[in-house]
């Protein structure tokens, strides 16, 4: 079963989390 909504949400959450961590580290 493919759920683009789940994948998109996970990607968006991961991307936001990575951006936040990178910003804090930078």
Protein backbone atom coordinates (compact mmCIF):
# COMPACT_ATOMS: atom_id res chain seq x y z
CA UNK A 1 0.00 0.00 0.00
CA UNK A 2 1.50 3.33 -1.03
CA UNK A 3 0.57 6.44 0.93
CA UNK A 4 2.07 9.61 -0.60
CA UNK A 5 0.57 11.65 2.23
CA UNK A 6 2.52 9.66 4.83
CA UNK A 7 5.74 9.85 2.85
CA UNK A 8 5.29 13.57 2.23
CA UNK A 9 4.59 14.24 5.90
CA UNK A 10 7.61 12.19 6.96
CA UNK A 11 9.85 13.96 4.42
CA UNK A 12 8.55 17.37 5.44
CA UNK A 13 8.98 16.61 9.14
CA UNK A 14 12.46 15.16 8.59
CA UNK A 15 13.46 18.10 6.37
CA UNK A 16 12.22 20.60 8.94
CA UNK A 17 13.98 18.73 11.72
CA UNK A 18 17.23 18.58 9.74
CA UNK A 19 16.99 22.29 8.91
CA UNK A 20 16.40 23.14 12.55
CA UNK A 21 19.31 20.99 13.73
CA UNK A 22 21.59 22.41 11.04
CA UNK A 23 20.59 25.95 11.96
CA UNK A 24 21.29 25.27 15.63
CA UNK A 25 24.64 23.66 14.81
CA UNK A 26 25.61 26.40 12.32
